[in-house]
Amino acid sequence: MDLWIIASLAAAGSQTVRFMLQKHLAQVSLSAAGATFARFVYSAPLAFGLLLALVLSGQVSLPPLPLAFWGYGIVGGAAQITATVCTVMLFGRRNFAVGMAFIKTEVLLTVLVGLLVLGESVSLTGLLAIVLGVCGVLILSGPIEGGQQGWRRILTPSAALGLSAGALFGVSAVCYRGASLQVAVDAPMARALITLAAVTMMQMLGMWLWLRLREPGEVRRVLGAWRSASFIGVTSMAGSFCWFTAFTLQNAAYVKTVGQIELVFGILGTVLIFRETISRREYLGMGLLATSILALILLG
């Protein structure tokens, strides 16, 4: 199995755990921005410290980073922060199934953004596999919010948050791939770590400044919740490193399609922890999603 596939699956697993922890923190003590900041304040020092240790030991050489690298990193980092805030806000809403469904359409938006920004297209087989995977995710996400008719089912706050998050996650994925391709290092994992350390440090500093100005006291609350928030940092760094490694090796749209398996991880986790049953709809959705991922692995 190719490294980019293994990295994508590992990233999806780590991201599932991180979203569960962020949902808990948002419900218990922190704002949406605070729960997002927790992701970076604990992961950025880990990534930077690991990179520094490898550079000082001579195992990784740090090349000059061109202006394009920083441009991609800033845009991608800002898009990811905003998308994560939108996602955490969804966790605070009672009816957000349709929003989550829209988030999972990020892979189609990643195809479009990748074509516009990097000029990267996908094969016809790959596009069909991606569409099939999105259909599976929409089925897994459950019915659209009830009580509304026609376009009102889509034009809801949950849908707006979900669609915004999906689009921004697509932008961040493509920009991170663009940034990693600017790093003049042969080893893909070294390129991923350099990109990760630079981007997460910028995100941590940017969010720290935002919270100091807009939400006084929230930084202190994030640091006070270190027992839970530190695990967010660890899972975030592991997941981001795997995402960046995959983006370095493969088209971001393909990576995101394989990463859709995180929804299956979430359902399986619910079954194993809460002993809930899986419905026929969920079996159908997981079957379509698995078929999509297998098609990309074998034919894409």
C-alpha atoms as a PDB file:
ATOM      1  CA  MET A   1       0.000   0.000   0.000  1.00  0.00           C
ATOM      2  CA  ASP A   2       1.348   3.454  -0.932  1.00  0.00           C
ATOM      3  CA  LEU A   3       2.621   5.735   1.836  1.00  0.00           C
ATOM      4  CA  TRP A   4       0.111   8.484   0.985  1.00  0.00           C
ATOM      5  CA  ILE A   5      -2.784   6.075   1.580  1.00  0.00           C
ATOM      6  CA  ILE A   6      -1.396   4.923   4.931  1.00  0.00           C
ATOM      7  CA  ALA A   7      -0.816   8.557   5.933  1.00  0.00           C
ATOM      8  CA  SER A   8      -4.363   9.539   4.915  1.00  0.00           C
ATOM      9  CA  LEU A   9      -5.919   6.727   6.964  1.00  0.00           C
ATOM     10  CA  ALA A  10      -3.784   7.596  10.001  1.00  0.00           C
ATOM     11  CA  ALA A  11      -4.702  11.279   9.646  1.00  0.00           C
ATOM     12  CA  ALA A  12      -8.408  10.450   9.527  1.00  0.00           C
ATOM     13  CA  GLY A  13      -8.148   8.383  12.707  1.00  0.00           C
ATOM     14  CA  SER A  14      -6.298  11.125  14.571  1.00  0.00           C
ATOM     15  CA  GLN A  15      -8.747  13.764  13.361  1.00  0.00           C
ATOM     16  CA  THR A  16     -11.717  11.719  14.594  1.00  0.00           C
ATOM     17  CA  VAL A  17     -10.261  11.625  18.100  1.00  0.00           C
ATOM     18  CA  ARG A  18      -9.390  15.336  17.986  1.00  0.00           C
ATOM     19  CA  PHE A  19     -12.894  16.410  16.964  1.00  0.00           C
ATOM     20  CA  MET A  20     -14.332  14.368  19.828  1.00  0.00           C
ATOM     21  CA  LEU A  21     -12.035  16.137  22.292  1.00  0.00           C
ATOM     22  CA  GLN A  22     -12.787  19.571  20.803  1.00  0.00           C
ATOM     23  CA  LYS A  23     -16.512  18.931  21.020  1.00  0.00           C
ATOM     24  CA  HIS A  24     -16.108  18.052  24.706  1.00  0.00           C
ATOM     25  CA  LEU A  25     -14.110  21.202  25.460  1.00  0.00           C
ATOM     26  CA  ALA A  26     -16.533  23.435  23.558  1.00  0.00           C
ATOM     27  CA  GLN A  27     -19.449  22.030  25.545  1.00  0.00           C
ATOM     28  CA  VAL A  28     -17.704  22.165  28.916  1.00  0.00           C
ATOM     29  CA  SER A  29     -15.612  25.289  29.217  1.00  0.00           C
ATOM     30  CA  LEU A  30     -14.252  26.938  26.071  1.00  0.00           C
ATOM     31  CA  SER A  31     -15.583  29.062  23.228  1.00  0.00           C
ATOM     32  CA  ALA A  32     -15.386  27.828  19.638  1.00  0.00           C
ATOM     33  CA  ALA A  33     -12.248  29.927  19.077  1.00  0.00           C
ATOM     34  CA  GLY A  34     -10.769  28.723  22.361  1.00  0.00           C
ATOM     35  CA  ALA A  35     -11.329  25.070  21.494  1.00  0.00           C
ATOM     36  CA  THR A  36      -9.685  25.760  18.119  1.00  0.00           C
ATOM     37  CA  PHE A  37      -6.740  27.546  19.761  1.00  0.00           C
ATOM     38  CA  ALA A  38      -6.220  24.485  21.984  1.00  0.00           C
ATOM     39  CA  ARG A  39      -5.375  22.562  18.835  1.00  0.00           C
ATOM     40  CA  PHE A  40      -2.438  24.824  17.980  1.00  0.00           C
ATOM     41  CA  VAL A  41      -1.077  25.992  21.323  1.00  0.00           C
ATOM     42  CA  TYR A  42      -0.102  22.454  22.252  1.00  0.00           C
ATOM     43  CA  SER A  43       0.759  21.060  18.818  1.00  0.00           C
ATOM     44  CA  ALA A  44       2.907  23.924  17.472  1.00  0.00           C
ATOM     45  CA  PRO A  45       5.639  23.645  20.165  1.00  0.00           C
ATOM     46  CA  LEU A  46       5.736  19.865  19.650  1.00  0.00           C
ATOM     47  CA  ALA A  47       6.179  20.178  15.882  1.00  0.00           C
ATOM     48  CA  PHE A  48       8.729  22.997  16.183  1.00  0.00           C
ATOM     49  CA  GLY A  49      10.671  21.176  18.915  1.00  0.00           C
ATOM     50  CA  LEU A  50      10.820  17.955  16.879  1.00  0.00           C
ATOM     51  CA  LEU A  51      12.019  19.833  13.794  1.00  0.00           C
ATOM     52  CA  LEU A  52      14.632  21.734  15.811  1.00  0.00           C
ATOM     53  CA  ALA A  53      15.960  18.497  17.327  1.00  0.00           C
ATOM     54  CA  LEU A  54      16.263  16.866  13.907  1.00  0.00           C
ATOM     55  CA  VAL A  55      17.979  19.927  12.409  1.00  0.00           C
ATOM     56  CA  LEU A  56      20.483  20.198  15.283  1.00  0.00           C
ATOM     57  CA  SER A  57      21.246  16.476  15.069  1.00  0.00           C
ATOM     58  CA  GLY A  58      21.927  16.790  11.336  1.00  0.00           C
ATOM     59  CA  GLN A  59      19.129  14.433  10.305  1.00  0.00           C
ATOM     60  CA  VAL A  60      17.164  17.152   8.502  1.00  0.00           C
ATOM     61  CA  SER A  61      18.591  20.062   6.528  1.00  0.00           C
ATOM     62  CA  LEU A  62      16.530  23.252   6.565  1.00  0.00           C
ATOM     63  CA  PRO A  63      16.497  24.788   3.058  1.00  0.00           C
ATOM     64  CA  PRO A  64      15.649  28.410   2.227  1.00  0.00           C
ATOM     65  CA  LEU A  65      11.876  28.791   2.124  1.00  0.00           C
ATOM     66  CA  PRO A  66      10.652  30.937  -0.791  1.00  0.00           C
ATOM     67  CA  LEU A  67       7.986  33.613  -0.556  1.00  0.00           C
ATOM     68  CA  ALA A  68       5.466  31.295  -2.224  1.00  0.00           C
ATOM     69  CA  PHE A  69       5.841  28.857   0.690  1.00  0.00           C
ATOM     70  CA  TRP A  70       4.833  31.526   3.206  1.00  0.00           C
ATOM     71  CA  GLY A  71       1.996  32.719   0.994  1.00  0.00           C
ATOM     72  CA  TYR A  72       0.513  29.237   0.695  1.00  0.00           C
ATOM     73  CA  GLY A  73       1.088  28.648   4.410  1.00  0.00           C
ATOM     74  CA  ILE A  74      -0.627  31.851   5.541  1.00  0.00           C
ATOM     75  CA  VAL A  75      -3.689  31.344   3.331  1.00  0.00           C
ATOM     76  CA  GLY A  76      -3.955  27.658   4.184  1.00  0.00           C
ATOM     77  CA  GLY A  77      -3.484  28.279   7.897  1.00  0.00           C
ATOM     78  CA  ALA A  78      -6.102  31.035   8.028  1.00  0.00           C
ATOM     79  CA  ALA A  79      -8.567  28.893   6.050  1.00  0.00           C
ATOM     80  CA  GLN A  80      -8.043  25.941   8.388  1.00  0.00           C
ATOM     81  CA  ILE A  81      -8.557  28.078  11.504  1.00  0.00           C
ATOM     82  CA  THR A  82     -11.814  29.510  10.175  1.00  0.00           C
ATOM     83  CA  ALA A  83     -13.023  26.095   9.028  1.00  0.00           C
ATOM     84  CA  THR A  84     -12.261  24.570  12.425  1.00  0.00           C
ATOM     85  CA  VAL A  85     -14.145  27.369  14.217  1.00  0.00           C
ATOM     86  CA  CYS A  86     -17.159  26.731  11.953  1.00  0.00           C
ATOM     87  CA  THR A  87     -16.969  23.018  12.721  1.00  0.00           C
ATOM     88  CA  VAL A  88     -16.759  23.533  16.484  1.00  0.00           C
ATOM     89  CA  MET A  89     -19.736  25.927  16.284  1.00  0.00           C
ATOM     90  CA  LEU A  90     -21.672  23.117  14.588  1.00  0.00           C
ATOM     91  CA  PHE A  91     -21.001  20.932  17.607  1.00  0.00           C
ATOM     92  CA  GLY A  92     -22.877  23.444  19.743  1.00  0.00           C
ATOM     93  CA  ARG A  93     -26.056  23.261  17.631  1.00  0.00           C
ATOM     94  CA  ARG A  94     -28.829  20.769  18.228  1.00  0.00           C
ATOM     95  CA  ASN A  95     -29.568  20.128  14.554  1.00  0.00           C
ATOM     96  CA  PHE A  96     -26.356  20.024  12.562  1.00  0.00           C
ATOM     97  CA  ALA A  97     -26.616  16.824  10.517  1.00  0.00           C
ATOM     98  CA  VAL A  98     -27.045  18.734   7.250  1.00  0.00           C
ATOM     99  CA  GLY A  99     -24.084  20.930   8.140  1.00  0.00           C
ATOM    100  CA  MET A 100     -21.879  17.901   8.676  1.00  0.00           C
ATOM    101  CA  ALA A 101     -23.046  16.554   5.328  1.00  0.00           C
ATOM    102  CA  PHE A 102     -21.964  19.777   3.649  1.00  0.00           C
ATOM    103  CA  ILE A 103     -18.554  19.605   5.371  1.00  0.00           C
ATOM    104  CA  LYS A 104     -18.012  16.204   3.841  1.00  0.00           C
ATOM    105  CA  THR A 105     -18.487  17.651   0.351  1.00  0.00           C
ATOM    106  CA  GLU A 106     -15.103  19.334   0.911  1.00  0.00           C
ATOM    107  CA  VAL A 107     -13.491  16.750  -1.333  1.00  0.00           C
ATOM    108  CA  LEU A 108     -15.392  18.031  -4.394  1.00  0.00           C
ATOM    109  CA  LEU A 109     -14.439  21.576  -3.488  1.00  0.00           C
ATOM    110  CA  THR A 110     -10.831  20.424  -3.092  1.00  0.00           C
ATOM    111  CA  VAL A 111     -10.914  19.202  -6.702  1.00  0.00           C
ATOM    112  CA  LEU A 112     -12.082  22.628  -7.870  1.00  0.00           C
ATOM    113  CA  VAL A 113      -9.617  24.595  -5.739  1.00  0.00           C
ATOM    114  CA  GLY A 114      -6.750  22.299  -6.750  1.00  0.00           C
ATOM    115  CA  LEU A 115      -7.557  22.860 -10.409  1.00  0.00           C
ATOM    116  CA  LEU A 116      -7.769  26.652 -10.007  1.00  0.00           C
ATOM    117  CA  VAL A 117      -4.756  27.136  -7.689  1.00  0.00           C
ATOM    118  CA  LEU A 118      -2.276  24.402  -8.642  1.00  0.00           C
ATOM    119  CA  GLY A 119      -3.633  23.353 -12.029  1.00  0.00           C
ATOM    120  CA  GLU A 120      -4.036  19.774 -10.762  1.00  0.00           C
ATOM    121  CA  SER A 121      -6.902  17.788 -12.215  1.00  0.00           C
ATOM    122  CA  VAL A 122      -8.129  14.264 -11.506  1.00  0.00           C
ATOM    123  CA  SER A 123      -8.782  11.420 -13.907  1.00  0.00           C
ATOM    124  CA  LEU A 124     -12.317  10.502 -14.935  1.00  0.00           C
ATOM    125  CA  THR A 125     -12.063   7.339 -12.836  1.00  0.00           C
ATOM    126  CA  GLY A 126     -10.847   9.369  -9.885  1.00  0.00           C
ATOM    127  CA  LEU A 127     -13.681  11.886 -10.262  1.00  0.00           C
ATOM    128  CA  LEU A 128     -16.295   9.111 -10.383  1.00  0.00           C
ATOM    129  CA  ALA A 129     -14.772   7.539  -7.260  1.00  0.00           C
ATOM    130  CA  ILE A 130     -14.843  10.901  -5.480  1.00  0.00           C
ATOM    131  CA  VAL A 131     -18.511  11.490  -6.372  1.00  0.00           C
ATOM    132  CA  LEU A 132     -19.372   7.984  -5.196  1.00  0.00           C
ATOM    133  CA  GLY A 133     -17.615   8.651  -1.906  1.00  0.00           C
ATOM    134  CA  VAL A 134     -19.487  11.917  -1.395  1.00  0.00           C
ATOM    135  CA  CYS A 135     -22.785  10.094  -1.978  1.00  0.00           C
ATOM    136  CA  GLY A 136     -21.807   7.569   0.672  1.00  0.00           C
ATOM    137  CA  VAL A 137     -20.914  10.326   3.124  1.00  0.00           C
ATOM    138  CA  LEU A 138     -24.220  12.128   2.529  1.00  0.00           C
ATOM    139  CA  ILE A 139     -26.085   8.904   3.273  1.00  0.00           C
ATOM    140  CA  LEU A 140     -24.034   8.339   6.423  1.00  0.00           C
ATOM    141  CA  SER A 141     -24.688  11.888   7.579  1.00  0.00           C
ATOM    142  CA  GLY A 142     -28.380  11.117   7.980  1.00  0.00           C
ATOM    143  CA  PRO A 143     -31.578  12.930   7.019  1.00  0.00           C
ATOM    144  CA  ILE A 144     -31.713  16.650   6.386  1.00  0.00           C
ATOM    145  CA  GLU A 145     -33.066  18.765   9.224  1.00  0.00           C
ATOM    146  CA  GLY A 146     -36.797  18.340   9.477  1.00  0.00           C
ATOM    147  CA  GLY A 147     -39.477  20.991   9.652  1.00  0.00           C
ATOM    148  CA  GLN A 148     -38.357  22.799   6.514  1.00  0.00           C
ATOM    149  CA  GLN A 149     -39.368  22.618   2.871  1.00  0.00           C
ATOM    150  CA  GLY A 150     -37.517  23.200  -0.397  1.00  0.00           C
ATOM    151  CA  TRP A 151     -34.482  25.483  -0.278  1.00  0.00           C
ATOM    152  CA  ARG A 152     -35.159  26.245   3.382  1.00  0.00           C
ATOM    153  CA  ARG A 153     -33.754  22.799   4.143  1.00  0.00           C
ATOM    154  CA  ILE A 154     -30.412  23.941   2.757  1.00  0.00           C
ATOM    155  CA  LEU A 155     -30.438  27.652   3.681  1.00  0.00           C
ATOM    156  CA  THR A 156     -30.047  27.087   7.421  1.00  0.00           C
ATOM    157  CA  PRO A 157     -27.353  28.273   9.852  1.00  0.00           C
ATOM    158  CA  SER A 158     -26.073  24.697  10.140  1.00  0.00           C
ATOM    159  CA  ALA A 159     -25.819  24.377   6.369  1.00  0.00           C
ATOM    160  CA  ALA A 160     -24.054  27.749   6.100  1.00  0.00           C
ATOM    161  CA  LEU A 161     -21.501  26.741   8.720  1.00  0.00           C
ATOM    162  CA  GLY A 162     -21.019  23.318   7.181  1.00  0.00           C
ATOM    163  CA  LEU A 163     -20.660  24.540   3.615  1.00  0.00           C
ATOM    164  CA  SER A 164     -18.242  27.280   4.712  1.00  0.00           C
ATOM    165  CA  ALA A 165     -16.180  24.769   6.648  1.00  0.00           C
ATOM    166  CA  GLY A 166     -16.093  22.362   3.705  1.00  0.00           C
ATOM    167  CA  ALA A 167     -14.959  25.060   1.280  1.00  0.00           C
ATOM    168  CA  LEU A 168     -12.295  26.369   3.653  1.00  0.00           C
ATOM    169  CA  PHE A 169     -10.970  22.903   4.440  1.00  0.00           C
ATOM    170  CA  GLY A 170     -10.633  22.413   0.686  1.00  0.00           C
ATOM    171  CA  VAL A 171      -8.658  25.655   0.376  1.00  0.00           C
ATOM    172  CA  SER A 172      -6.371  24.703   3.254  1.00  0.00           C
ATOM    173  CA  ALA A 173      -5.681  21.236   1.818  1.00  0.00           C
ATOM    174  CA  VAL A 174      -4.641  22.615  -1.560  1.00  0.00           C
ATOM    175  CA  CYS A 175      -2.563  25.417  -0.025  1.00  0.00           C
ATOM    176  CA  TYR A 176      -0.755  22.981   2.252  1.00  0.00           C
ATOM    177  CA  ARG A 177       0.127  20.844  -0.741  1.00  0.00           C
ATOM    178  CA  GLY A 178       1.306  23.972  -2.534  1.00  0.00           C
ATOM    179  CA  ALA A 179       3.458  24.962   0.438  1.00  0.00           C
ATOM    180  CA  SER A 180       5.022  21.510   0.845  1.00  0.00           C
ATOM    181  CA  LEU A 181       5.962  21.426  -2.842  1.00  0.00           C
ATOM    182  CA  GLN A 182       7.977  24.622  -2.299  1.00  0.00           C
ATOM    183  CA  VAL A 183      10.292  22.904   0.220  1.00  0.00           C
ATOM    184  CA  ALA A 184      13.477  21.814  -1.576  1.00  0.00           C
ATOM    185  CA  VAL A 185      13.965  18.553   0.348  1.00  0.00           C
ATOM    186  CA  ASP A 186      13.725  15.080  -1.156  1.00  0.00           C
ATOM    187  CA  ALA A 187      12.366  13.198   1.867  1.00  0.00           C
ATOM    188  CA  PRO A 188       8.549  13.642   1.937  1.00  0.00           C
ATOM    189  CA  MET A 189       8.309  13.343   5.725  1.00  0.00           C
ATOM    190  CA  ALA A 190      10.937  16.054   6.190  1.00  0.00           C
ATOM    191  CA  ARG A 191       9.016  18.336   3.844  1.00  0.00           C
ATOM    192  CA  ALA A 192       5.836  17.593   5.780  1.00  0.00           C
ATOM    193  CA  LEU A 193       7.458  18.358   9.150  1.00  0.00           C
ATOM    194  CA  ILE A 194       8.983  21.636   7.944  1.00  0.00           C
ATOM    195  CA  THR A 195       5.635  22.768   6.539  1.00  0.00           C
ATOM    196  CA  LEU A 196       3.768  21.642   9.644  1.00  0.00           C
ATOM    197  CA  ALA A 197       6.106  23.434  12.054  1.00  0.00           C
ATOM    198  CA  ALA A 198       5.974  26.701  10.100  1.00  0.00           C
ATOM    199  CA  VAL A 199       2.203  26.714   9.599  1.00  0.00           C
ATOM    200  CA  THR A 200       1.232  25.700  13.151  1.00  0.00           C
ATOM    201  CA  MET A 201       3.531  28.329  14.670  1.00  0.00           C
ATOM    202  CA  MET A 202       1.886  31.003  12.520  1.00  0.00           C
ATOM    203  CA  GLN A 203      -1.555  29.699  13.484  1.00  0.00           C
ATOM    204  CA  MET A 204      -0.712  29.660  17.188  1.00  0.00           C
ATOM    205  CA  LEU A 205       0.613  33.225  17.171  1.00  0.00           C
ATOM    206  CA  GLY A 206      -2.274  34.498  15.038  1.00  0.00           C
ATOM    207  CA  MET A 207      -4.940  32.928  17.237  1.00  0.00           C
ATOM    208  CA  TRP A 208      -3.194  34.064  20.421  1.00  0.00           C
ATOM    209  CA  LEU A 209      -3.311  37.666  19.176  1.00  0.00           C
ATOM    210  CA  TRP A 210      -6.971  37.302  18.098  1.00  0.00           C
ATOM    211  CA  LEU A 211      -8.068  35.908  21.454  1.00  0.00           C
ATOM    212  CA  ARG A 212      -6.144  38.551  23.397  1.00  0.00           C
ATOM    213  CA  LEU A 213      -7.976  41.267  21.479  1.00  0.00           C
ATOM    214  CA  ARG A 214     -11.439  39.742  21.046  1.00  0.00           C
ATOM    215  CA  GLU A 215     -11.888  37.250  23.895  1.00  0.00           C
ATOM    216  CA  PRO A 216      -9.906  38.393  26.947  1.00  0.00           C
ATOM    217  CA  GLY A 217      -9.313  35.571  29.398  1.00  0.00           C
ATOM    218  CA  GLU A 218      -9.887  32.772  26.880  1.00  0.00           C
ATOM    219  CA  VAL A 219      -6.154  32.043  26.516  1.00  0.00           C
ATOM    220  CA  ARG A 220      -5.962  31.537  30.282  1.00  0.00           C
ATOM    221  CA  ARG A 221      -8.942  29.171  30.157  1.00  0.00           C
ATOM    222  CA  VAL A 222      -7.322  27.140  27.367  1.00  0.00           C
ATOM    223  CA  LEU A 223      -4.113  26.822  29.363  1.00  0.00           C
ATOM    224  CA  GLY A 224      -6.139  25.947  32.463  1.00  0.00           C
ATOM    225  CA  ALA A 225      -7.789  23.066  30.587  1.00  0.00           C
ATOM    226  CA  TRP A 226      -4.415  21.550  29.745  1.00  0.00           C
ATOM    227  CA  ARG A 227      -5.363  18.047  30.873  1.00  0.00           C
ATOM    228  CA  SER A 228      -7.854  17.699  28.023  1.00  0.00           C
ATOM    229  CA  ALA A 229      -6.448  20.328  25.661  1.00  0.00           C
ATOM    230  CA  SER A 230      -2.969  18.802  25.611  1.00  0.00           C
ATOM    231  CA  PHE A 231      -4.421  15.615  24.127  1.00  0.00           C
ATOM    232  CA  ILE A 232      -5.944  17.765  21.387  1.00  0.00           C
ATOM    233  CA  GLY A 233      -2.462  19.064  20.671  1.00  0.00           C
ATOM    234  CA  VAL A 234      -0.954  15.585  20.462  1.00  0.00           C
ATOM    235  CA  THR A 235      -3.681  14.193  18.194  1.00  0.00           C
ATOM    236  CA  SER A 236      -3.610  17.378  16.121  1.00  0.00           C
ATOM    237  CA  MET A 237       0.133  17.162  15.524  1.00  0.00           C
ATOM    238  CA  ALA A 238      -0.084  13.470  14.635  1.00  0.00           C
ATOM    239  CA  GLY A 239      -3.008  14.047  12.295  1.00  0.00           C
ATOM    240  CA  SER A 240      -1.535  17.151  10.671  1.00  0.00           C
ATOM    241  CA  PHE A 241       1.827  15.464  10.119  1.00  0.00           C
ATOM    242  CA  CYS A 242       0.065  12.595   8.354  1.00  0.00           C
ATOM    243  CA  TRP A 243      -2.077  14.978   6.271  1.00  0.00           C
ATOM    244  CA  PHE A 244       0.992  16.997   5.239  1.00  0.00           C
ATOM    245  CA  THR A 245       2.894  13.848   4.345  1.00  0.00           C
ATOM    246  CA  ALA A 246       0.016  12.667   2.159  1.00  0.00           C
ATOM    247  CA  PHE A 247      -0.351  16.109   0.533  1.00  0.00           C
ATOM    248  CA  THR A 248       3.355  16.043  -0.283  1.00  0.00           C
ATOM    249  CA  LEU A 249       2.954  12.765  -2.143  1.00  0.00           C
ATOM    250  CA  GLN A 250      -0.473  12.959  -3.800  1.00  0.00           C
ATOM    251  CA  ASN A 251      -3.176  15.212  -5.239  1.00  0.00           C
ATOM    252  CA  ALA A 252      -5.081  16.791  -2.328  1.00  0.00           C
ATOM    253  CA  ALA A 253      -8.461  15.668  -3.712  1.00  0.00           C
ATOM    254  CA  TYR A 254      -7.414  12.005  -3.628  1.00  0.00           C
ATOM    255  CA  VAL A 255      -6.008  12.411  -0.118  1.00  0.00           C
ATOM    256  CA  LYS A 256      -9.236  13.965   1.134  1.00  0.00           C
ATOM    257  CA  THR A 257     -11.313  11.217  -0.468  1.00  0.00           C
ATOM    258  CA  VAL A 258      -9.418   8.509   1.420  1.00  0.00           C
ATOM    259  CA  GLY A 259      -9.666  10.694   4.529  1.00  0.00           C
ATOM    260  CA  GLN A 260     -13.453  10.490   4.376  1.00  0.00           C
ATOM    261  CA  ILE A 261     -13.053   7.155   6.161  1.00  0.00           C
ATOM    262  CA  GLU A 262     -13.017   9.209   9.391  1.00  0.00           C
ATOM    263  CA  LEU A 263     -16.819   9.200   9.345  1.00  0.00           C
ATOM    264  CA  VAL A 264     -16.773   5.406   9.453  1.00  0.00           C
ATOM    265  CA  PHE A 265     -14.256   5.592  12.309  1.00  0.00           C
ATOM    266  CA  GLY A 266     -16.708   7.823  14.173  1.00  0.00           C
ATOM    267  CA  ILE A 267     -19.600   5.419  13.690  1.00  0.00           C
ATOM    268  CA  LEU A 268     -17.514   2.410  14.720  1.00  0.00           C
ATOM    269  CA  GLY A 269     -16.317   4.286  17.783  1.00  0.00           C
ATOM    270  CA  THR A 270     -19.907   5.030  18.741  1.00  0.00           C
ATOM    271  CA  VAL A 271     -20.851   1.367  18.352  1.00  0.00           C
ATOM    272  CA  LEU A 272     -17.884   0.104  20.364  1.00  0.00           C
ATOM    273  CA  ILE A 273     -18.171   2.671  23.157  1.00  0.00           C
ATOM    274  CA  PHE A 274     -21.931   3.195  23.422  1.00  0.00           C
ATOM    275  CA  ARG A 275     -23.044  -0.212  22.090  1.00  0.00           C
ATOM    276  CA  GLU A 276     -25.379   1.350  19.523  1.00  0.00           C
ATOM    277  CA  THR A 277     -26.494  -0.536  16.427  1.00  0.00           C
ATOM    278  CA  ILE A 278     -25.717   0.374  12.823  1.00  0.00           C
ATOM    279  CA  SER A 279     -28.732   1.029  10.588  1.00  0.00           C
ATOM    280  CA  ARG A 280     -29.195  -0.183   7.026  1.00  0.00           C
ATOM    281  CA  ARG A 281     -28.635   3.370   5.804  1.00  0.00           C
ATOM    282  CA  GLU A 282     -25.288   3.483   7.586  1.00  0.00           C
ATOM    283  CA  TYR A 283     -24.253   0.125   6.147  1.00  0.00           C
ATOM    284  CA  LEU A 284     -25.143   1.429   2.663  1.00  0.00           C
ATOM    285  CA  GLY A 285     -23.196   4.655   3.200  1.00  0.00           C
ATOM    286  CA  MET A 286     -20.129   2.829   4.510  1.00  0.00           C
ATOM    287  CA  GLY A 287     -20.312   0.420   1.570  1.00  0.00           C
ATOM    288  CA  LEU A 288     -20.338   3.258  -0.970  1.00  0.00           C
ATOM    289  CA  LEU A 289     -17.536   5.051   0.850  1.00  0.00           C
ATOM    290  CA  ALA A 290     -15.410   1.894   1.019  1.00  0.00           C
ATOM    291  CA  THR A 291     -16.012   1.254  -2.683  1.00  0.00           C
ATOM    292  CA  SER A 292     -14.943   4.820  -3.481  1.00  0.00           C
ATOM    293  CA  ILE A 293     -11.726   4.516  -1.501  1.00  0.00           C
ATOM    294  CA  LEU A 294     -10.883   1.105  -2.957  1.00  0.00           C
ATOM    295  CA  ALA A 295     -11.489   2.455  -6.467  1.00  0.00           C
ATOM    296  CA  LEU A 296      -9.056   5.297  -5.834  1.00  0.00           C
ATOM    297  CA  ILE A 297      -6.463   2.956  -4.378  1.00  0.00           C
ATOM    298  CA  LEU A 298      -6.687   0.386  -7.188  1.00  0.00           C
ATOM    299  CA  LEU A 299      -7.623   2.492 -10.218  1.00  0.00           C
ATOM    300  CA  GLY A 300      -6.932   6.170  -9.418  1.00  0.00           C
END
